[in-house]
Amino acid sequence: MMRLLARIFLLGAAVLFLAACSRQPETGPVEIKWDRDTCKRCSMAVSDRHYAAQVRGGPKKQVFKFDDIGCAVHWLKDQPWVNDPATEIWVTDFRSGKWLDARTANYVTGKTTPMAYGYGASGEALPSSIGFEEVRKQLLAKDK
């Protein structure tokens, strides 16, 4: 009987361990399943590694994926937690595809992006680049 209880205990512990390992991190961007994950706003496949965005927030700190920073900004404006400082916004660097904090990234215009908003994020200041708040203001002025 003790052996059976020990086996059940070990099996339960293994299941809990595997479940814990498969959970998403509680902060930062998550892995995108390119060409399979869809944009929360427009439902297009997230496929361009140079213009994707993610928002983590809300009561459950849930992650929402977007194919363009424009979709993320327009979707986020309608969320009751839009101004919560704990809300995280991530974008990919248009040159390297590396994830950047959207609020500290620099943005350039004139890019061909998935939803034609035209903003590319960079981890470094580039000639005529602008900050997140200016990008947000410009995007919200364009009612798409």
N, C-alpha and C. Protein backbone atom coordinates (compact mmCIF):
# COMPACT_ATOMS: atom_id res chain seq x y z
N MET A 1 0.83 -1.20 0.00
CA MET A 1 0.00 0.00 0.00
C MET A 1 0.87 1.26 0.00
N MET A 2 1.95 1.25 0.79
CA MET A 2 2.84 2.41 0.86
C MET A 2 3.50 2.67 -0.49
N ARG A 3 3.84 1.58 -1.19
CA ARG A 3 4.46 1.73 -2.51
C ARG A 3 3.50 2.41 -3.48
N LEU A 4 2.25 2.00 -3.44
CA LEU A 4 1.24 2.59 -4.32
C LEU A 4 1.06 4.07 -4.02
N LEU A 5 0.99 4.43 -2.75
CA LEU A 5 0.86 5.85 -2.38
C LEU A 5 2.09 6.64 -2.79
N ALA A 6 3.26 6.06 -2.66
CA ALA A 6 4.49 6.74 -3.07
C ALA A 6 4.50 6.97 -4.57
N ARG A 7 4.06 5.98 -5.34
CA ARG A 7 3.99 6.13 -6.80
C ARG A 7 2.98 7.21 -7.20
N ILE A 8 1.85 7.22 -6.56
CA ILE A 8 0.83 8.23 -6.85
C ILE A 8 1.37 9.62 -6.53
N PHE A 9 2.05 9.72 -5.40
CA PHE A 9 2.64 11.00 -5.01
C PHE A 9 3.67 11.46 -6.04
N LEU A 10 4.56 10.56 -6.45
CA LEU A 10 5.58 10.90 -7.44
C LEU A 10 4.97 11.28 -8.78
N LEU A 11 3.95 10.58 -9.20
CA LEU A 11 3.26 10.89 -10.45
C LEU A 11 2.62 12.28 -10.37
N GLY A 12 1.98 12.55 -9.25
CA GLY A 12 1.36 13.88 -9.05
C GLY A 12 2.40 14.99 -9.07
N ALA A 13 3.53 14.76 -8.40
CA ALA A 13 4.60 15.75 -8.38
C ALA A 13 5.15 15.99 -9.78
N ALA A 14 5.31 14.91 -10.55
CA ALA A 14 5.82 15.05 -11.92
C ALA A 14 4.85 15.85 -12.78
N VAL A 15 3.55 15.60 -12.64
CA VAL A 15 2.55 16.34 -13.42
C VAL A 15 2.59 17.83 -13.06
N LEU A 16 2.68 18.14 -11.78
CA LEU A 16 2.77 19.54 -11.35
C LEU A 16 4.04 20.20 -11.86
N PHE A 17 5.15 19.49 -11.82
CA PHE A 17 6.41 20.03 -12.31
C PHE A 17 6.32 20.34 -13.80
N LEU A 18 5.78 19.42 -14.58
CA LEU A 18 5.65 19.64 -16.03
C LEU A 18 4.70 20.79 -16.33
N ALA A 19 3.64 20.90 -15.58
CA ALA A 19 2.69 22.00 -15.79
C ALA A 19 3.35 23.34 -15.48
N ALA A 20 4.15 23.38 -14.43
CA ALA A 20 4.84 24.62 -14.06
C ALA A 20 5.86 25.00 -15.13
N CYS A 21 6.52 24.03 -15.71
CA CYS A 21 7.53 24.31 -16.73
C CYS A 21 6.91 24.82 -18.02
N SER A 22 5.68 24.45 -18.32
CA SER A 22 5.06 24.84 -19.58
C SER A 22 4.34 26.19 -19.50
N ARG A 23 4.25 26.78 -18.32
CA ARG A 23 3.58 28.07 -18.19
C ARG A 23 4.42 29.17 -18.81
N GLN A 24 3.72 30.21 -19.27
CA GLN A 24 4.41 31.36 -19.82
C GLN A 24 5.04 32.17 -18.70
N PRO A 25 6.09 32.91 -19.01
CA PRO A 25 6.67 33.79 -18.00
C PRO A 25 5.64 34.85 -17.59
N GLU A 26 5.84 35.44 -16.43
CA GLU A 26 4.88 36.42 -15.93
C GLU A 26 5.18 37.85 -16.37
N THR A 27 6.28 38.03 -17.06
CA THR A 27 6.64 39.35 -17.55
C THR A 27 7.40 39.19 -18.87
N GLY A 28 7.42 40.24 -19.66
CA GLY A 28 8.14 40.20 -20.93
C GLY A 28 7.34 39.57 -22.04
N PRO A 29 7.89 39.63 -23.25
CA PRO A 29 7.18 39.04 -24.39
C PRO A 29 7.26 37.52 -24.35
N VAL A 30 6.32 36.89 -25.03
CA VAL A 30 6.30 35.43 -25.13
C VAL A 30 6.68 35.04 -26.55
N GLU A 31 6.92 33.77 -26.73
CA GLU A 31 7.25 33.26 -28.06
C GLU A 31 6.04 33.40 -28.98
N ILE A 32 6.29 33.85 -30.19
CA ILE A 32 5.23 33.94 -31.20
C ILE A 32 5.34 32.71 -32.09
N LYS A 33 4.23 32.12 -32.39
CA LYS A 33 4.18 31.03 -33.36
C LYS A 33 3.90 31.70 -34.71
N TRP A 34 4.98 32.05 -35.40
CA TRP A 34 4.89 32.81 -36.65
C TRP A 34 4.00 32.08 -37.66
N ASP A 35 3.17 32.86 -38.31
CA ASP A 35 2.23 32.38 -39.34
C ASP A 35 1.09 31.53 -38.76
N ARG A 36 1.03 31.37 -37.44
CA ARG A 36 -0.07 30.64 -36.80
C ARG A 36 -0.81 31.50 -35.79
N ASP A 37 -0.08 32.27 -34.96
CA ASP A 37 -0.74 33.18 -34.03
C ASP A 37 -1.40 34.29 -34.84
N THR A 38 -2.51 34.80 -34.33
CA THR A 38 -3.22 35.86 -35.04
C THR A 38 -3.26 37.14 -34.23
N CYS A 39 -3.37 38.24 -34.96
CA CYS A 39 -3.46 39.56 -34.35
C CYS A 39 -4.78 39.69 -33.61
N LYS A 40 -4.70 40.15 -32.38
CA LYS A 40 -5.90 40.31 -31.53
C LYS A 40 -6.89 41.30 -32.14
N ARG A 41 -6.40 42.31 -32.86
CA ARG A 41 -7.29 43.33 -33.40
C ARG A 41 -7.83 42.98 -34.77
N CYS A 42 -6.95 42.60 -35.70
CA CYS A 42 -7.39 42.44 -37.09
C CYS A 42 -7.51 40.98 -37.53
N SER A 43 -7.09 40.05 -36.69
CA SER A 43 -7.16 38.60 -36.94
C SER A 43 -6.27 38.10 -38.07
N MET A 44 -5.35 38.92 -38.54
CA MET A 44 -4.39 38.47 -39.55
C MET A 44 -3.32 37.63 -38.85
N ALA A 45 -2.68 36.74 -39.60
CA ALA A 45 -1.59 35.95 -39.04
C ALA A 45 -0.42 36.87 -38.70
N VAL A 46 0.19 36.64 -37.56
CA VAL A 46 1.39 37.39 -37.18
C VAL A 46 2.55 36.68 -37.88
N SER A 47 3.08 37.31 -38.93
CA SER A 47 4.08 36.62 -39.73
C SER A 47 5.34 37.44 -39.98
N ASP A 48 5.28 38.74 -39.82
CA ASP A 48 6.46 39.57 -40.09
C ASP A 48 7.23 39.81 -38.80
N ARG A 49 8.38 39.20 -38.69
CA ARG A 49 9.20 39.25 -37.47
C ARG A 49 9.78 40.63 -37.19
N HIS A 50 9.59 41.58 -38.10
CA HIS A 50 10.19 42.90 -37.95
C HIS A 50 9.19 43.98 -37.51
N TYR A 51 7.91 43.64 -37.42
CA TYR A 51 6.91 44.65 -37.05
C TYR A 51 5.88 44.13 -36.06
N ALA A 52 6.10 43.00 -35.44
CA ALA A 52 5.14 42.43 -34.50
C ALA A 52 5.14 43.20 -33.18
N ALA A 53 4.05 43.05 -32.43
CA ALA A 53 3.93 43.70 -31.13
C ALA A 53 3.19 42.76 -30.18
N GLN A 54 3.38 42.99 -28.89
CA GLN A 54 2.67 42.25 -27.86
C GLN A 54 2.29 43.21 -26.74
N VAL A 55 1.15 42.95 -26.13
CA VAL A 55 0.73 43.70 -24.95
C VAL A 55 0.46 42.68 -23.86
N ARG A 56 1.00 42.94 -22.68
CA ARG A 56 0.72 42.10 -21.51
C ARG A 56 0.04 42.98 -20.49
N GLY A 57 -1.17 42.59 -20.10
CA GLY A 57 -1.86 43.40 -19.11
C GLY A 57 -3.21 42.87 -18.74
N GLY A 58 -3.95 43.70 -18.05
CA GLY A 58 -5.27 43.32 -17.58
C GLY A 58 -5.17 42.59 -16.26
N PRO A 59 -6.30 42.22 -15.71
CA PRO A 59 -6.32 41.59 -14.40
C PRO A 59 -5.56 40.27 -14.34
N LYS A 60 -5.45 39.57 -15.47
CA LYS A 60 -4.76 38.28 -15.49
C LYS A 60 -3.36 38.37 -16.09
N LYS A 61 -2.89 39.60 -16.36
CA LYS A 61 -1.56 39.80 -16.99
C LYS A 61 -1.42 38.95 -18.26
N GLN A 62 -2.51 38.90 -19.02
CA GLN A 62 -2.58 38.10 -20.23
C GLN A 62 -1.77 38.75 -21.36
N VAL A 63 -1.25 37.93 -22.28
CA VAL A 63 -0.49 38.44 -23.42
C VAL A 63 -1.38 38.43 -24.66
N PHE A 64 -1.36 39.56 -25.38
CA PHE A 64 -2.11 39.72 -26.61
C PHE A 64 -1.10 40.02 -27.72
N LYS A 65 -1.25 39.38 -28.86
CA LYS A 65 -0.29 39.49 -29.95
C LYS A 65 -0.88 40.30 -31.11
N PHE A 66 0.01 41.04 -31.79
CA PHE A 66 -0.40 41.93 -32.87
C PHE A 66 0.59 41.86 -34.02
N ASP A 67 0.09 42.09 -35.23
CA ASP A 67 0.97 42.05 -36.40
C ASP A 67 1.59 43.41 -36.72
N ASP A 68 1.19 44.46 -36.01
CA ASP A 68 1.66 45.83 -36.31
C ASP A 68 1.45 46.67 -35.04
N ILE A 69 2.37 47.58 -34.76
CA ILE A 69 2.22 48.46 -33.59
C ILE A 69 0.92 49.25 -33.66
N GLY A 70 0.48 49.58 -34.86
CA GLY A 70 -0.78 50.32 -35.01
C GLY A 70 -1.97 49.54 -34.47
N CYS A 71 -2.01 48.25 -34.74
CA CYS A 71 -3.10 47.42 -34.21
C CYS A 71 -3.04 47.39 -32.69
N ALA A 72 -1.84 47.26 -32.14
CA ALA A 72 -1.69 47.20 -30.68
C ALA A 72 -2.18 48.49 -30.03
N VAL A 73 -1.78 49.64 -30.56
CA VAL A 73 -2.16 50.93 -29.98
C VAL A 73 -3.66 51.15 -30.09
N HIS A 74 -4.24 50.85 -31.24
CA HIS A 74 -5.69 51.06 -31.41
C HIS A 74 -6.50 50.11 -30.54
N TRP A 75 -6.06 48.86 -30.40
CA TRP A 75 -6.77 47.91 -29.55
C TRP A 75 -6.64 48.30 -28.08
N LEU A 76 -5.44 48.69 -27.68
CA LEU A 76 -5.17 49.00 -26.28
C LEU A 76 -5.98 50.20 -25.78
N LYS A 77 -6.25 51.16 -26.65
CA LYS A 77 -6.99 52.37 -26.21
C LYS A 77 -8.38 52.03 -25.69
N ASP A 78 -8.93 50.89 -26.08
CA ASP A 78 -10.27 50.50 -25.66
C ASP A 78 -10.28 49.60 -24.43
N GLN A 79 -9.11 49.33 -23.86
CA GLN A 79 -9.04 48.46 -22.68
C GLN A 79 -9.12 49.31 -21.41
N PRO A 80 -9.87 48.86 -20.40
CA PRO A 80 -10.00 49.66 -19.17
C PRO A 80 -8.68 49.83 -18.43
N TRP A 81 -7.70 49.01 -18.71
CA TRP A 81 -6.41 49.06 -18.02
C TRP A 81 -5.32 49.71 -18.88
N VAL A 82 -5.71 50.45 -19.90
CA VAL A 82 -4.77 51.09 -20.83
C VAL A 82 -3.70 51.92 -20.11
N ASN A 83 -4.06 52.61 -19.04
CA ASN A 83 -3.12 53.49 -18.34
C ASN A 83 -2.48 52.85 -17.11
N ASP A 84 -2.71 51.56 -16.91
CA ASP A 84 -2.10 50.86 -15.78
C ASP A 84 -0.59 50.78 -16.02
N PRO A 85 0.22 51.30 -15.10
CA PRO A 85 1.67 51.26 -15.30
C PRO A 85 2.24 49.84 -15.41
N ALA A 86 1.50 48.84 -14.95
CA ALA A 86 1.97 47.45 -15.04
C ALA A 86 1.78 46.87 -16.45
N THR A 87 1.02 47.55 -17.29
CA THR A 87 0.82 47.08 -18.66
C THR A 87 2.13 47.16 -19.43
N GLU A 88 2.51 46.05 -20.05
CA GLU A 88 3.74 45.99 -20.83
C GLU A 88 3.40 46.01 -22.32
N ILE A 89 4.20 46.73 -23.09
CA ILE A 89 4.03 46.77 -24.54
C ILE A 89 5.39 46.47 -25.15
N TRP A 90 5.42 45.50 -26.05
CA TRP A 90 6.65 45.06 -26.67
C TRP A 90 6.53 45.16 -28.18
N VAL A 91 7.60 45.52 -28.85
CA VAL A 91 7.66 45.58 -30.32
C VAL A 91 8.96 44.93 -30.78
N THR A 92 8.98 44.51 -32.02
CA THR A 92 10.22 43.96 -32.56
C THR A 92 10.99 45.05 -33.30
N ASP A 93 12.30 45.00 -33.16
CA ASP A 93 13.19 45.90 -33.88
C ASP A 93 13.04 45.60 -35.37
N PHE A 94 12.79 46.62 -36.19
CA PHE A 94 12.52 46.38 -37.60
C PHE A 94 13.73 45.84 -38.36
N ARG A 95 14.92 45.95 -37.78
CA ARG A 95 16.11 45.43 -38.46
C ARG A 95 16.50 44.04 -37.95
N SER A 96 16.46 43.85 -36.65
CA SER A 96 16.96 42.59 -36.08
C SER A 96 15.85 41.61 -35.67
N GLY A 97 14.63 42.09 -35.47
CA GLY A 97 13.56 41.24 -34.98
C GLY A 97 13.61 41.02 -33.48
N LYS A 98 14.56 41.65 -32.78
CA LYS A 98 14.70 41.52 -31.33
C LYS A 98 13.56 42.27 -30.63
N TRP A 99 13.06 41.71 -29.53
CA TRP A 99 11.99 42.35 -28.78
C TRP A 99 12.52 43.55 -28.00
N LEU A 100 11.76 44.64 -28.05
CA LEU A 100 12.11 45.88 -27.35
C LEU A 100 10.92 46.35 -26.53
N ASP A 101 11.18 47.05 -25.44
CA ASP A 101 10.12 47.72 -24.69
C ASP A 101 9.61 48.84 -25.58
N ALA A 102 8.34 48.80 -25.94
CA ALA A 102 7.78 49.78 -26.88
C ALA A 102 7.88 51.20 -26.37
N ARG A 103 7.80 51.39 -25.06
CA ARG A 103 7.83 52.74 -24.50
C ARG A 103 9.21 53.39 -24.56
N THR A 104 10.26 52.59 -24.67
CA THR A 104 11.61 53.15 -24.74
C THR A 104 12.21 53.04 -26.13
N ALA A 105 11.53 52.38 -27.04
CA ALA A 105 12.02 52.23 -28.42
C ALA A 105 11.93 53.56 -29.16
N ASN A 106 12.67 53.63 -30.25
CA ASN A 106 12.63 54.78 -31.16
C ASN A 106 11.92 54.31 -32.42
N TYR A 107 11.18 55.19 -33.07
CA TYR A 107 10.38 54.78 -34.22
C TYR A 107 10.70 55.65 -35.43
N VAL A 108 10.74 54.99 -36.57
CA VAL A 108 10.90 55.70 -37.84
C VAL A 108 9.67 55.43 -38.69
N THR A 109 9.36 56.37 -39.54
CA THR A 109 8.19 56.24 -40.41
C THR A 109 8.62 55.78 -41.80
N GLY A 110 7.63 55.54 -42.64
CA GLY A 110 7.90 55.18 -44.02
C GLY A 110 8.19 53.71 -44.24
N LYS A 111 7.91 52.87 -43.28
CA LYS A 111 8.15 51.44 -43.42
C LYS A 111 6.92 50.75 -44.00
N THR A 112 7.13 49.66 -44.70
CA THR A 112 6.02 48.86 -45.22
C THR A 112 5.71 47.82 -44.16
N THR A 113 4.64 48.08 -43.40
CA THR A 113 4.29 47.21 -42.28
C THR A 113 3.03 46.40 -42.62
N PRO A 114 2.78 45.32 -41.89
CA PRO A 114 1.66 44.43 -42.21
C PRO A 114 0.31 45.13 -42.38
N MET A 115 0.00 46.11 -41.55
CA MET A 115 -1.29 46.79 -41.66
C MET A 115 -1.15 48.23 -42.15
N ALA A 116 0.00 48.53 -42.72
CA ALA A 116 0.27 49.82 -43.38
C ALA A 116 0.25 51.03 -42.43
N TYR A 117 0.53 50.80 -41.16
CA TYR A 117 0.66 51.95 -40.25
C TYR A 117 2.00 52.65 -40.47
N GLY A 118 3.02 51.90 -40.93
CA GLY A 118 4.25 52.50 -41.38
C GLY A 118 5.33 52.80 -40.37
N TYR A 119 5.19 52.34 -39.13
CA TYR A 119 6.20 52.63 -38.10
C TYR A 119 7.06 51.41 -37.82
N GLY A 120 8.38 51.63 -37.83
CA GLY A 120 9.33 50.59 -37.47
C GLY A 120 10.04 50.98 -36.19
N ALA A 121 10.20 50.04 -35.29
CA ALA A 121 10.85 50.31 -33.99
C ALA A 121 12.33 49.98 -34.07
N SER A 122 13.11 50.74 -33.30
CA SER A 122 14.55 50.52 -33.24
C SER A 122 15.00 50.66 -31.79
N GLY A 123 16.03 49.92 -31.43
CA GLY A 123 16.60 50.02 -30.10
C GLY A 123 17.54 51.20 -29.94
N GLU A 124 17.85 51.85 -31.04
CA GLU A 124 18.75 53.01 -30.98
C GLU A 124 18.09 54.19 -31.70
N ALA A 125 18.49 55.38 -31.32
CA ALA A 125 17.96 56.59 -31.96
C ALA A 125 18.51 56.65 -33.38
N LEU A 126 17.63 56.86 -34.33
CA LEU A 126 18.00 57.00 -35.73
C LEU A 126 17.63 58.40 -36.18
N PRO A 127 18.20 58.88 -37.28
CA PRO A 127 17.83 60.21 -37.77
C PRO A 127 16.30 60.31 -37.95
N SER A 128 15.75 61.35 -37.44
CA SER A 128 14.31 61.66 -37.48
C SER A 128 13.42 60.63 -36.77
N SER A 129 14.00 59.85 -35.85
CA SER A 129 13.15 58.92 -35.10
C SER A 129 12.38 59.69 -34.03
N ILE A 130 11.24 59.11 -33.63
CA ILE A 130 10.38 59.71 -32.62
C ILE A 130 10.12 58.68 -31.52
N GLY A 131 9.62 59.14 -30.39
CA GLY A 131 9.35 58.27 -29.26
C GLY A 131 7.96 57.67 -29.30
N PHE A 132 7.71 56.78 -28.34
CA PHE A 132 6.45 56.05 -28.28
C PHE A 132 5.23 56.95 -28.14
N GLU A 133 5.29 57.93 -27.26
CA GLU A 133 4.12 58.79 -27.05
C GLU A 133 3.74 59.54 -28.33
N GLU A 134 4.74 59.97 -29.09
CA GLU A 134 4.44 60.64 -30.36
C GLU A 134 3.85 59.66 -31.37
N VAL A 135 4.39 58.45 -31.42
CA VAL A 135 3.84 57.42 -32.32
C VAL A 135 2.39 57.13 -31.93
N ARG A 136 2.16 56.97 -30.65
CA ARG A 136 0.81 56.69 -30.16
C ARG A 136 -0.16 57.81 -30.57
N LYS A 137 0.27 59.04 -30.37
CA LYS A 137 -0.56 60.20 -30.73
C LYS A 137 -0.86 60.20 -32.23
N GLN A 138 0.15 59.96 -33.05
CA GLN A 138 -0.04 59.95 -34.49
C GLN A 138 -0.94 58.80 -34.93
N LEU A 139 -0.76 57.63 -34.33
CA LEU A 139 -1.59 56.48 -34.68
C LEU A 139 -3.06 56.70 -34.31
N LEU A 140 -3.29 57.25 -33.13
CA LEU A 140 -4.67 57.48 -32.71
C LEU A 140 -5.34 58.57 -33.50
N ALA A 141 -4.56 59.47 -34.09
CA ALA A 141 -5.11 60.52 -34.95
C ALA A 141 -5.60 59.92 -36.27
N LYS A 142 -4.99 58.79 -36.67
CA LYS A 142 -5.41 58.06 -37.87
C LYS A 142 -6.47 57.05 -37.44
N ASP A 143 -7.68 57.29 -37.75
CA ASP A 143 -8.76 56.38 -37.33
C ASP A 143 -8.91 55.26 -38.33
N LYS A 144 -8.23 54.14 -38.08
CA LYS A 144 -8.33 52.97 -38.96
C LYS A 144 -9.15 51.91 -38.31
